Amino acid sequence: MQKKTPLFDALKNYHKTEIVSFDVPGHKKRFQNEFSDYIGHKIIELDTNSMKELDILNNPTGVIREAHQLMG
């Protein structure tokens, strides 16, 4: 059983950069209401669009591709 998590690792590393994107999502990691209180604030902070470091879902060549290969 493999234990690599390339996409999750890339997402955590990207989150550490504290970059505020001018792209979607519009909440810019700052969103608090009943929903965020229920699911947790970290999920809102990790919500991001396809940045270069996180690969592109419709044409994966990086960490998404690696994750797919590990599943398969």
PDB file of N, CA and C in Angstrom:
ATOM      1  N   MET A   1       0.834  -1.178   0.000  1.00  0.00           N
ATOM      2  CA  MET A   1       0.000   0.000   0.000  1.00  0.00           C
ATOM      3  C   MET A   1       0.885   1.250   0.000  1.00  0.00           C
ATOM      4  N   GLN A   2       0.647   2.131  -0.962  1.00  0.00           N
ATOM      5  CA  GLN A   2       1.447   3.347  -1.053  1.00  0.00           C
ATOM      6  C   GLN A   2       0.905   4.402  -0.091  1.00  0.00           C
ATOM      7  N   LYS A   3       1.774   5.284   0.359  1.00  0.00           N
ATOM      8  CA  LYS A   3       1.358   6.308   1.324  1.00  0.00           C
ATOM      9  C   LYS A   3       1.667   7.719   0.835  1.00  0.00           C
ATOM     10  N   LYS A   4       1.988   7.877  -0.444  1.00  0.00           N
ATOM     11  CA  LYS A   4       2.281   9.199  -0.988  1.00  0.00           C
ATOM     12  C   LYS A   4       0.983   9.986  -1.182  1.00  0.00           C
ATOM     13  N   THR A   5       1.045  11.278  -0.953  1.00  0.00           N
ATOM     14  CA  THR A   5      -0.102  12.168  -1.154  1.00  0.00           C
ATOM     15  C   THR A   5       0.362  13.430  -1.892  1.00  0.00           C
ATOM     16  N   PRO A   6       0.724  13.299  -3.161  1.00  0.00           N
ATOM     17  CA  PRO A   6       1.327  14.431  -3.870  1.00  0.00           C
ATOM     18  C   PRO A   6       0.433  15.660  -3.976  1.00  0.00           C
ATOM     19  N   LEU A   7      -0.839  15.493  -4.251  1.00  0.00           N
ATOM     20  CA  LEU A   7      -1.732  16.643  -4.378  1.00  0.00           C
ATOM     21  C   LEU A   7      -1.959  17.308  -3.023  1.00  0.00           C
ATOM     22  N   PHE A   8      -2.203  16.526  -2.011  1.00  0.00           N
ATOM     23  CA  PHE A   8      -2.403  17.066  -0.662  1.00  0.00           C
ATOM     24  C   PHE A   8      -1.143  17.777  -0.168  1.00  0.00           C
ATOM     25  N   ASP A   9       0.013  17.179  -0.409  1.00  0.00           N
ATOM     26  CA  ASP A   9       1.278  17.803  -0.010  1.00  0.00           C
ATOM     27  C   ASP A   9       1.472  19.141  -0.723  1.00  0.00           C
ATOM     28  N   ALA A  10       1.171  19.192  -2.019  1.00  0.00           N
ATOM     29  CA  ALA A  10       1.307  20.438  -2.777  1.00  0.00           C
ATOM     30  C   ALA A  10       0.339  21.489  -2.259  1.00  0.00           C
ATOM     31  N   LEU A  11      -0.868  21.084  -1.915  1.00  0.00           N
ATOM     32  CA  LEU A  11      -1.861  22.014  -1.381  1.00  0.00           C
ATOM     33  C   LEU A  11      -1.408  22.583  -0.036  1.00  0.00           C
ATOM     34  N   LYS A  12      -0.875  21.738   0.832  1.00  0.00           N
ATOM     35  CA  LYS A  12      -0.374  22.216   2.121  1.00  0.00           C
ATOM     36  C   LYS A  12       0.798  23.172   1.932  1.00  0.00           C
ATOM     37  N   ASN A  13       1.712  22.846   1.014  1.00  0.00           N
ATOM     38  CA  ASN A  13       2.855  23.724   0.761  1.00  0.00           C
ATOM     39  C   ASN A  13       2.414  25.060   0.174  1.00  0.00           C
ATOM     40  N   TYR A  14       1.439  25.034  -0.728  1.00  0.00           N
ATOM     41  CA  TYR A  14       0.922  26.262  -1.309  1.00  0.00           C
ATOM     42  C   TYR A  14       0.248  27.120  -0.229  1.00  0.00           C
ATOM     43  N   HIS A  15      -0.475  26.499   0.659  1.00  0.00           N
ATOM     44  CA  HIS A  15      -1.147  27.215   1.747  1.00  0.00           C
ATOM     45  C   HIS A  15      -0.136  27.934   2.640  1.00  0.00           C
ATOM     46  N   LYS A  16       1.016  27.322   2.869  1.00  0.00           N
ATOM     47  CA  LYS A  16       2.051  27.925   3.713  1.00  0.00           C
ATOM     48  C   LYS A  16       2.601  29.219   3.129  1.00  0.00           C
ATOM     49  N   THR A  17       2.494  29.411   1.814  1.00  0.00           N
ATOM     50  CA  THR A  17       3.025  30.618   1.184  1.00  0.00           C
ATOM     51  C   THR A  17       2.212  31.851   1.532  1.00  0.00           C
ATOM     52  N   GLU A  18       0.980  31.661   1.997  1.00  0.00           N
ATOM     53  CA  GLU A  18       0.067  32.742   2.366  1.00  0.00           C
ATOM     54  C   GLU A  18      -0.174  33.714   1.216  1.00  0.00           C
ATOM     55  N   ILE A  19      -0.124  33.212  -0.011  1.00  0.00           N
ATOM     56  CA  ILE A  19      -0.427  34.029  -1.182  1.00  0.00           C
ATOM     57  C   ILE A  19      -1.921  34.313  -1.221  1.00  0.00           C
ATOM     58  N   VAL A  20      -2.295  35.559  -1.451  1.00  0.00           N
ATOM     59  CA  VAL A  20      -3.691  35.923  -1.641  1.00  0.00           C
ATOM     60  C   VAL A  20      -3.900  36.109  -3.136  1.00  0.00           C
ATOM     61  N   SER A  21      -4.698  35.257  -3.725  1.00  0.00           N
ATOM     62  CA  SER A  21      -4.920  35.256  -5.160  1.00  0.00           C
ATOM     63  C   SER A  21      -5.945  36.309  -5.558  1.00  0.00           C
ATOM     64  N   PHE A  22      -5.785  36.851  -6.754  1.00  0.00           N
ATOM     65  CA  PHE A  22      -6.782  37.763  -7.309  1.00  0.00           C
ATOM     66  C   PHE A  22      -7.713  37.007  -8.252  1.00  0.00           C
ATOM     67  N   ASP A  23      -7.653  35.708  -8.247  1.00  0.00           N
ATOM     68  CA  ASP A  23      -8.492  34.828  -9.051  1.00  0.00           C
ATOM     69  C   ASP A  23      -9.589  34.280  -8.135  1.00  0.00           C
ATOM     70  N   VAL A  24     -10.430  33.405  -8.662  1.00  0.00           N
ATOM     71  CA  VAL A  24     -11.433  32.763  -7.817  1.00  0.00           C
ATOM     72  C   VAL A  24     -10.717  31.835  -6.850  1.00  0.00           C
ATOM     73  N   PRO A  25     -11.189  31.532  -5.693  1.00  0.00           N
ATOM     74  CA  PRO A  25     -12.467  31.914  -5.105  1.00  0.00           C
ATOM     75  C   PRO A  25     -12.445  33.345  -4.569  1.00  0.00           C
ATOM     76  N   GLY A  26     -13.602  33.945  -4.574  1.00  0.00           N
ATOM     77  CA  GLY A  26     -13.720  35.341  -4.201  1.00  0.00           C
ATOM     78  C   GLY A  26     -13.580  35.634  -2.725  1.00  0.00           C
ATOM     79  N   HIS A  27     -13.670  34.635  -1.865  1.00  0.00           N
ATOM     80  CA  HIS A  27     -13.614  34.901  -0.428  1.00  0.00           C
ATOM     81  C   HIS A  27     -12.208  35.161   0.061  1.00  0.00           C
ATOM     82  N   LYS A  28     -11.197  34.874  -0.737  1.00  0.00           N
ATOM     83  CA  LYS A  28      -9.795  35.156  -0.414  1.00  0.00           C
ATOM     84  C   LYS A  28      -9.372  34.629   0.953  1.00  0.00           C
ATOM     85  N   LYS A  29      -9.819  33.426   1.248  1.00  0.00           N
ATOM     86  CA  LYS A  29      -9.467  32.742   2.503  1.00  0.00           C
ATOM     87  C   LYS A  29     -10.088  33.395   3.730  1.00  0.00           C
ATOM     88  N   ARG A  30     -10.975  34.339   3.538  1.00  0.00           N
ATOM     89  CA  ARG A  30     -11.607  35.041   4.659  1.00  0.00           C
ATOM     90  C   ARG A  30     -13.119  34.868   4.533  1.00  0.00           C
ATOM     91  N   PHE A  31     -13.636  33.892   5.223  1.00  0.00           N
ATOM     92  CA  PHE A  31     -15.046  33.554   5.065  1.00  0.00           C
ATOM     93  C   PHE A  31     -15.510  32.923   6.359  1.00  0.00           C
ATOM     94  N   GLN A  32     -16.439  33.537   7.024  1.00  0.00           N
ATOM     95  CA  GLN A  32     -16.925  32.951   8.263  1.00  0.00           C
ATOM     96  C   GLN A  32     -18.441  33.071   8.322  1.00  0.00           C
ATOM     97  N   ASN A  33     -19.068  31.936   8.471  1.00  0.00           N
ATOM     98  CA  ASN A  33     -20.510  31.878   8.690  1.00  0.00           C
ATOM     99  C   ASN A  33     -20.827  30.503   9.256  1.00  0.00           C
ATOM    100  N   GLU A  34     -22.068  30.143   9.269  1.00  0.00           N
ATOM    101  CA  GLU A  34     -22.463  28.849   9.830  1.00  0.00           C
ATOM    102  C   GLU A  34     -21.774  27.696   9.104  1.00  0.00           C
ATOM    103  N   PHE A  35     -21.627  27.814   7.772  1.00  0.00           N
ATOM    104  CA  PHE A  35     -20.986  26.757   6.980  1.00  0.00           C
ATOM    105  C   PHE A  35     -19.528  26.569   7.388  1.00  0.00           C
ATOM    106  N   SER A  36     -18.760  27.652   7.435  1.00  0.00           N
ATOM    107  CA  SER A  36     -17.349  27.521   7.805  1.00  0.00           C
ATOM    108  C   SER A  36     -17.193  27.102   9.263  1.00  0.00           C
ATOM    109  N   ASP A  37     -18.107  27.552  10.121  1.00  0.00           N
ATOM    110  CA  ASP A  37     -18.059  27.101  11.517  1.00  0.00           C
ATOM    111  C   ASP A  37     -18.291  25.591  11.609  1.00  0.00           C
ATOM    112  N   TYR A  38     -19.151  25.072  10.751  1.00  0.00           N
ATOM    113  CA  TYR A  38     -19.480  23.643  10.768  1.00  0.00           C
ATOM    114  C   TYR A  38     -18.355  22.789  10.189  1.00  0.00           C
ATOM    115  N   ILE A  39     -17.831  23.164   9.029  1.00  0.00           N
ATOM    116  CA  ILE A  39     -16.818  22.318   8.378  1.00  0.00           C
ATOM    117  C   ILE A  39     -15.398  22.652   8.790  1.00  0.00           C
ATOM    118  N   GLY A  40     -15.207  23.821   9.376  1.00  0.00           N
ATOM    119  CA  GLY A  40     -13.887  24.229   9.816  1.00  0.00           C
ATOM    120  C   GLY A  40     -13.289  25.300   8.915  1.00  0.00           C
ATOM    121  N   HIS A  41     -12.527  26.157   9.513  1.00  0.00           N
ATOM    122  CA  HIS A  41     -11.950  27.278   8.779  1.00  0.00           C
ATOM    123  C   HIS A  41     -10.822  26.847   7.856  1.00  0.00           C
ATOM    124  N   LYS A  42     -10.150  25.779   8.173  1.00  0.00           N
ATOM    125  CA  LYS A  42      -9.023  25.320   7.348  1.00  0.00           C
ATOM    126  C   LYS A  42      -9.480  24.979   5.928  1.00  0.00           C
ATOM    127  N   ILE A  43     -10.679  24.409   5.783  1.00  0.00           N
ATOM    128  CA  ILE A  43     -11.159  24.050   4.450  1.00  0.00           C
ATOM    129  C   ILE A  43     -11.329  25.301   3.587  1.00  0.00           C
ATOM    130  N   ILE A  44     -11.733  26.412   4.191  1.00  0.00           N
ATOM    131  CA  ILE A  44     -11.862  27.668   3.462  1.00  0.00           C
ATOM    132  C   ILE A  44     -10.477  28.191   3.083  1.00  0.00           C
ATOM    133  N   GLU A  45      -9.524  28.078   3.977  1.00  0.00           N
ATOM    134  CA  GLU A  45      -8.164  28.528   3.690  1.00  0.00           C
ATOM    135  C   GLU A  45      -7.521  27.705   2.577  1.00  0.00           C
ATOM    136  N   LEU A  46      -7.896  26.437   2.456  1.00  0.00           N
ATOM    137  CA  LEU A  46      -7.315  25.564   1.434  1.00  0.00           C
ATOM    138  C   LEU A  46      -8.048  25.634   0.100  1.00  0.00           C
ATOM    139  N   ASP A  47      -9.154  26.355   0.047  1.00  0.00           N
ATOM    140  CA  ASP A  47      -9.927  26.483  -1.190  1.00  0.00           C
ATOM    141  C   ASP A  47      -9.164  27.383  -2.164  1.00  0.00           C
ATOM    142  N   THR A  48      -8.726  26.830  -3.258  1.00  0.00           N
ATOM    143  CA  THR A  48      -7.951  27.595  -4.230  1.00  0.00           C
ATOM    144  C   THR A  48      -8.257  27.121  -5.635  1.00  0.00           C
ATOM    145  N   ASN A  49      -7.900  27.932  -6.579  1.00  0.00           N
ATOM    146  CA  ASN A  49      -8.059  27.583  -7.980  1.00  0.00           C
ATOM    147  C   ASN A  49      -6.827  26.805  -8.429  1.00  0.00           C
ATOM    148  N   SER A  50      -6.812  26.382  -9.647  1.00  0.00           N
ATOM    149  CA  SER A  50      -5.677  25.612 -10.175  1.00  0.00           C
ATOM    150  C   SER A  50      -4.476  26.523 -10.403  1.00  0.00           C
ATOM    151  N   MET A  51      -3.609  26.567  -9.430  1.00  0.00           N
ATOM    152  CA  MET A  51      -2.371  27.317  -9.547  1.00  0.00           C
ATOM    153  C   MET A  51      -1.316  26.384 -10.125  1.00  0.00           C
ATOM    154  N   LYS A  52      -0.274  26.951 -10.699  1.00  0.00           N
ATOM    155  CA  LYS A  52       0.773  26.143 -11.327  1.00  0.00           C
ATOM    156  C   LYS A  52       1.278  25.048 -10.380  1.00  0.00           C
ATOM    157  N   GLU A  53       1.476  25.404  -9.129  1.00  0.00           N
ATOM    158  CA  GLU A  53       2.004  24.448  -8.151  1.00  0.00           C
ATOM    159  C   GLU A  53       1.030  23.307  -7.861  1.00  0.00           C
ATOM    160  N   LEU A  54      -0.272  23.551  -8.145  1.00  0.00           N
ATOM    161  CA  LEU A  54      -1.295  22.553  -7.830  1.00  0.00           C
ATOM    162  C   LEU A  54      -1.775  21.784  -9.047  1.00  0.00           C
ATOM    163  N   ASP A  55      -1.237  22.099 -10.234  1.00  0.00           N
ATOM    164  CA  ASP A  55      -1.558  21.385 -11.465  1.00  0.00           C
ATOM    165  C   ASP A  55      -2.909  21.848 -12.021  1.00  0.00           C
ATOM    166  N   ILE A  56      -3.284  21.358 -13.164  1.00  0.00           N
ATOM    167  CA  ILE A  56      -4.529  21.717 -13.834  1.00  0.00           C
ATOM    168  C   ILE A  56      -5.341  20.434 -14.018  1.00  0.00           C
ATOM    169  N   LEU A  57      -6.561  20.422 -13.518  1.00  0.00           N
ATOM    170  CA  LEU A  57      -7.379  19.212 -13.508  1.00  0.00           C
ATOM    171  C   LEU A  57      -7.676  18.677 -14.907  1.00  0.00           C
ATOM    172  N   ASN A  58      -7.986  19.555 -15.868  1.00  0.00           N
ATOM    173  CA  ASN A  58      -8.374  19.050 -17.186  1.00  0.00           C
ATOM    174  C   ASN A  58      -7.193  18.674 -18.067  1.00  0.00           C
ATOM    175  N   ASN A  59      -5.968  18.959 -17.649  1.00  0.00           N
ATOM    176  CA  ASN A  59      -4.773  18.522 -18.379  1.00  0.00           C
ATOM    177  C   ASN A  59      -3.628  18.339 -17.382  1.00  0.00           C
ATOM    178  N   PRO A  60      -3.753  17.371 -16.495  1.00  0.00           N
ATOM    179  CA  PRO A  60      -2.758  17.221 -15.438  1.00  0.00           C
ATOM    180  C   PRO A  60      -1.393  16.755 -15.957  1.00  0.00           C
ATOM    181  N   THR A  61      -0.363  17.451 -15.489  1.00  0.00           N
ATOM    182  CA  THR A  61       1.003  17.068 -15.845  1.00  0.00           C
ATOM    183  C   THR A  61       1.904  16.999 -14.614  1.00  0.00           C
ATOM    184  N   GLY A  62       1.376  17.354 -13.459  1.00  0.00           N
ATOM    185  CA  GLY A  62       2.172  17.411 -12.236  1.00  0.00           C
ATOM    186  C   GLY A  62       1.599  16.548 -11.130  1.00  0.00           C
ATOM    187  N   VAL A  63       1.263  17.193 -10.012  1.00  0.00           N
ATOM    188  CA  VAL A  63       0.843  16.443  -8.822  1.00  0.00           C
ATOM    189  C   VAL A  63      -0.492  15.727  -9.007  1.00  0.00           C
ATOM    190  N   ILE A  64      -1.409  16.270  -9.807  1.00  0.00           N
ATOM    191  CA  ILE A  64      -2.665  15.566 -10.063  1.00  0.00           C
ATOM    192  C   ILE A  64      -2.395  14.323 -10.880  1.00  0.00           C
ATOM    193  N   ARG A  65      -1.552  14.446 -11.875  1.00  0.00           N
ATOM    194  CA  ARG A  65      -1.193  13.267 -12.682  1.00  0.00           C
ATOM    195  C   ARG A  65      -0.523  12.203 -11.824  1.00  0.00           C
ATOM    196  N   GLU A  66       0.394  12.640 -10.978  1.00  0.00           N
ATOM    197  CA  GLU A  66       1.072  11.688 -10.089  1.00  0.00           C
ATOM    198  C   GLU A  66       0.071  10.992  -9.172  1.00  0.00           C
ATOM    199  N   ALA A  67      -0.886  11.742  -8.633  1.00  0.00           N
ATOM    200  CA  ALA A  67      -1.904  11.156  -7.761  1.00  0.00           C
ATOM    201  C   ALA A  67      -2.754  10.136  -8.519  1.00  0.00           C
ATOM    202  N   HIS A  68      -3.114  10.461  -9.759  1.00  0.00           N
ATOM    203  CA  HIS A  68      -3.870   9.515 -10.591  1.00  0.00           C
ATOM    204  C   HIS A  68      -3.081   8.236 -10.837  1.00  0.00           C
ATOM    205  N   GLN A  69      -1.813   8.396 -11.135  1.00  0.00           N
ATOM    206  CA  GLN A  69      -0.966   7.226 -11.381  1.00  0.00           C
ATOM    207  C   GLN A  69      -0.845   6.352 -10.133  1.00  0.00           C
ATOM    208  N   LEU A  70      -0.743   6.974  -8.982  1.00  0.00           N
ATOM    209  CA  LEU A  70      -0.648   6.206  -7.736  1.00  0.00           C
ATOM    210  C   LEU A  70      -1.938   5.444  -7.438  1.00  0.00           C
ATOM    211  N   MET A  71      -3.071   6.004  -7.884  1.00  0.00           N
ATOM    212  CA  MET A  71      -4.353   5.328  -7.661  1.00  0.00           C
ATOM    213  C   MET A  71      -4.496   4.096  -8.542  1.00  0.00           C
ATOM    214  N   GLY A  72      -3.801   4.120  -9.663  1.00  0.00           N
ATOM    215  CA  GLY A  72      -4.094   3.186 -10.627  1.00  0.00           C
ATOM    216  C   GLY A  72      -3.571   1.958 -10.984  1.00  0.00           C
TER     217      GLY A  72
END
